[in-house]
């Protein structure tokens, strides 16, 4: 099995990781944003003491944000899918 070699972490990538984690991004989302493997994201976050959330919590946060946004729409407003509130 070949070892996956990634580039070392730059200060910019570290600060972007911190920002993403504080916004509540999952390891998978951080991985996609930083173009690094999920394992690299989790290891770096653990070294920095950042609290990563799991998939379920990330989905729950996302759904809560959608629900809040929908509640903020005025009555009778049209959603993105064409239906009405």
C-alpha atoms as a PDB file:
ATOM      1  CA  UNK A   1       0.000   0.000   0.000  1.00  0.00           C
ATOM      2  CA  UNK A   2       1.334   3.410  -0.935  1.00  0.00           C
ATOM      3  CA  UNK A   3       1.596   6.119   1.645  1.00  0.00           C
ATOM      4  CA  UNK A   4      -0.392   9.249   0.898  1.00  0.00           C
ATOM      5  CA  UNK A   5       1.958  12.202   0.873  1.00  0.00           C
ATOM      6  CA  UNK A   6       0.503  15.635   1.439  1.00  0.00           C
ATOM      7  CA  UNK A   7       2.127  19.014   1.478  1.00  0.00           C
ATOM      8  CA  UNK A   8       2.981  20.551   4.847  1.00  0.00           C
ATOM      9  CA  UNK A   9       0.471  22.897   6.437  1.00  0.00           C
ATOM     10  CA  UNK A  10       0.968  26.579   5.710  1.00  0.00           C
ATOM     11  CA  UNK A  11      -0.055  29.324   8.126  1.00  0.00           C
ATOM     12  CA  UNK A  12      -2.842  30.320   5.730  1.00  0.00           C
ATOM     13  CA  UNK A  13      -4.247  26.781   5.636  1.00  0.00           C
ATOM     14  CA  UNK A  14      -4.103  26.547   9.411  1.00  0.00           C
ATOM     15  CA  UNK A  15      -5.996  29.808   9.819  1.00  0.00           C
ATOM     16  CA  UNK A  16      -8.574  28.702   7.220  1.00  0.00           C
ATOM     17  CA  UNK A  17      -9.030  25.425   9.108  1.00  0.00           C
ATOM     18  CA  UNK A  18      -9.579  27.310  12.363  1.00  0.00           C
ATOM     19  CA  UNK A  19     -12.140  29.561  10.683  1.00  0.00           C
ATOM     20  CA  UNK A  20     -14.002  26.629   9.123  1.00  0.00           C
ATOM     21  CA  UNK A  21     -14.120  24.701  12.392  1.00  0.00           C
ATOM     22  CA  UNK A  22     -15.390  27.730  14.303  1.00  0.00           C
ATOM     23  CA  UNK A  23     -18.142  28.102  11.691  1.00  0.00           C
ATOM     24  CA  UNK A  24     -19.175  24.512  12.419  1.00  0.00           C
ATOM     25  CA  UNK A  25     -17.865  22.791   9.297  1.00  0.00           C
ATOM     26  CA  UNK A  26     -17.463  19.026   9.317  1.00  0.00           C
ATOM     27  CA  UNK A  27     -14.110  17.358   8.621  1.00  0.00           C
ATOM     28  CA  UNK A  28     -15.354  16.418   5.143  1.00  0.00           C
ATOM     29  CA  UNK A  29     -16.248  20.021   4.329  1.00  0.00           C
ATOM     30  CA  UNK A  30     -12.886  21.234   5.657  1.00  0.00           C
ATOM     31  CA  UNK A  31     -11.170  18.571   3.581  1.00  0.00           C
ATOM     32  CA  UNK A  32     -12.886  19.744   0.414  1.00  0.00           C
ATOM     33  CA  UNK A  33     -12.201  23.412   1.142  1.00  0.00           C
ATOM     34  CA  UNK A  34      -8.517  22.877   1.903  1.00  0.00           C
ATOM     35  CA  UNK A  35      -7.904  20.084  -0.623  1.00  0.00           C
ATOM     36  CA  UNK A  36      -6.408  17.800   2.024  1.00  0.00           C
ATOM     37  CA  UNK A  37      -7.403  14.301   3.192  1.00  0.00           C
ATOM     38  CA  UNK A  38      -9.933  14.026   6.014  1.00  0.00           C
ATOM     39  CA  UNK A  39      -7.368  12.213   8.141  1.00  0.00           C
ATOM     40  CA  UNK A  40      -4.992  15.152   7.766  1.00  0.00           C
ATOM     41  CA  UNK A  41      -7.766  17.540   8.792  1.00  0.00           C
ATOM     42  CA  UNK A  42      -8.657  15.561  11.914  1.00  0.00           C
ATOM     43  CA  UNK A  43      -5.025  15.150  12.970  1.00  0.00           C
ATOM     44  CA  UNK A  44      -4.276  18.853  12.511  1.00  0.00           C
ATOM     45  CA  UNK A  45      -7.441  19.902  14.332  1.00  0.00           C
ATOM     46  CA  UNK A  46      -6.615  17.574  17.212  1.00  0.00           C
ATOM     47  CA  UNK A  47      -3.082  19.015  17.443  1.00  0.00           C
ATOM     48  CA  UNK A  48      -4.514  22.534  17.521  1.00  0.00           C
ATOM     49  CA  UNK A  49      -7.177  21.569  20.060  1.00  0.00           C
ATOM     50  CA  UNK A  50     -10.038  22.458  17.717  1.00  0.00           C
ATOM     51  CA  UNK A  51     -13.440  20.867  18.385  1.00  0.00           C
ATOM     52  CA  UNK A  52     -14.443  19.052  15.190  1.00  0.00           C
ATOM     53  CA  UNK A  53     -18.042  17.953  14.886  1.00  0.00           C
ATOM     54  CA  UNK A  54     -19.287  14.755  13.308  1.00  0.00           C
ATOM     55  CA  UNK A  55     -21.485  14.301  10.254  1.00  0.00           C
ATOM     56  CA  UNK A  56     -24.701  14.057  12.234  1.00  0.00           C
ATOM     57  CA  UNK A  57     -24.056  17.243  14.157  1.00  0.00           C
ATOM     58  CA  UNK A  58     -23.026  19.072  10.975  1.00  0.00           C
ATOM     59  CA  UNK A  59     -26.235  17.988   9.240  1.00  0.00           C
ATOM     60  CA  UNK A  60     -28.309  19.003  12.247  1.00  0.00           C
ATOM     61  CA  UNK A  61     -26.670  22.444  12.267  1.00  0.00           C
ATOM     62  CA  UNK A  62     -27.293  22.819   8.537  1.00  0.00           C
ATOM     63  CA  UNK A  63     -30.947  21.835   8.867  1.00  0.00           C
ATOM     64  CA  UNK A  64     -31.385  24.227  11.778  1.00  0.00           C
ATOM     65  CA  UNK A  65     -29.947  27.081   9.700  1.00  0.00           C
ATOM     66  CA  UNK A  66     -32.330  26.244   6.850  1.00  0.00           C
ATOM     67  CA  UNK A  67     -35.287  26.160   9.216  1.00  0.00           C
ATOM     68  CA  UNK A  68     -34.292  29.520  10.717  1.00  0.00           C
ATOM     69  CA  UNK A  69     -33.959  31.036   7.254  1.00  0.00           C
ATOM     70  CA  UNK A  70     -37.354  29.693   6.257  1.00  0.00           C
ATOM     71  CA  UNK A  71     -38.968  31.089   9.400  1.00  0.00           C
ATOM     72  CA  UNK A  72     -37.446  34.472   8.580  1.00  0.00           C
ATOM     73  CA  UNK A  73     -39.188  34.553   5.193  1.00  0.00           C
ATOM     74  CA  UNK A  74     -42.349  36.641   5.098  1.00  0.00           C
ATOM     75  CA  UNK A  75     -45.610  34.714   4.855  1.00  0.00           C
ATOM     76  CA  UNK A  76     -46.443  33.997   1.214  1.00  0.00           C
ATOM     77  CA  UNK A  77     -42.830  34.296   0.026  1.00  0.00           C
ATOM     78  CA  UNK A  78     -41.627  31.919  -2.642  1.00  0.00           C
ATOM     79  CA  UNK A  79     -38.967  29.327  -1.801  1.00  0.00           C
ATOM     80  CA  UNK A  80     -36.131  28.330  -4.129  1.00  0.00           C
ATOM     81  CA  UNK A  81     -38.044  25.221  -5.227  1.00  0.00           C
ATOM     82  CA  UNK A  82     -41.021  27.314  -6.370  1.00  0.00           C
ATOM     83  CA  UNK A  83     -43.332  26.467  -3.484  1.00  0.00           C
ATOM     84  CA  UNK A  84     -44.696  29.039  -1.073  1.00  0.00           C
ATOM     85  CA  UNK A  85     -44.270  29.428   2.681  1.00  0.00           C
END
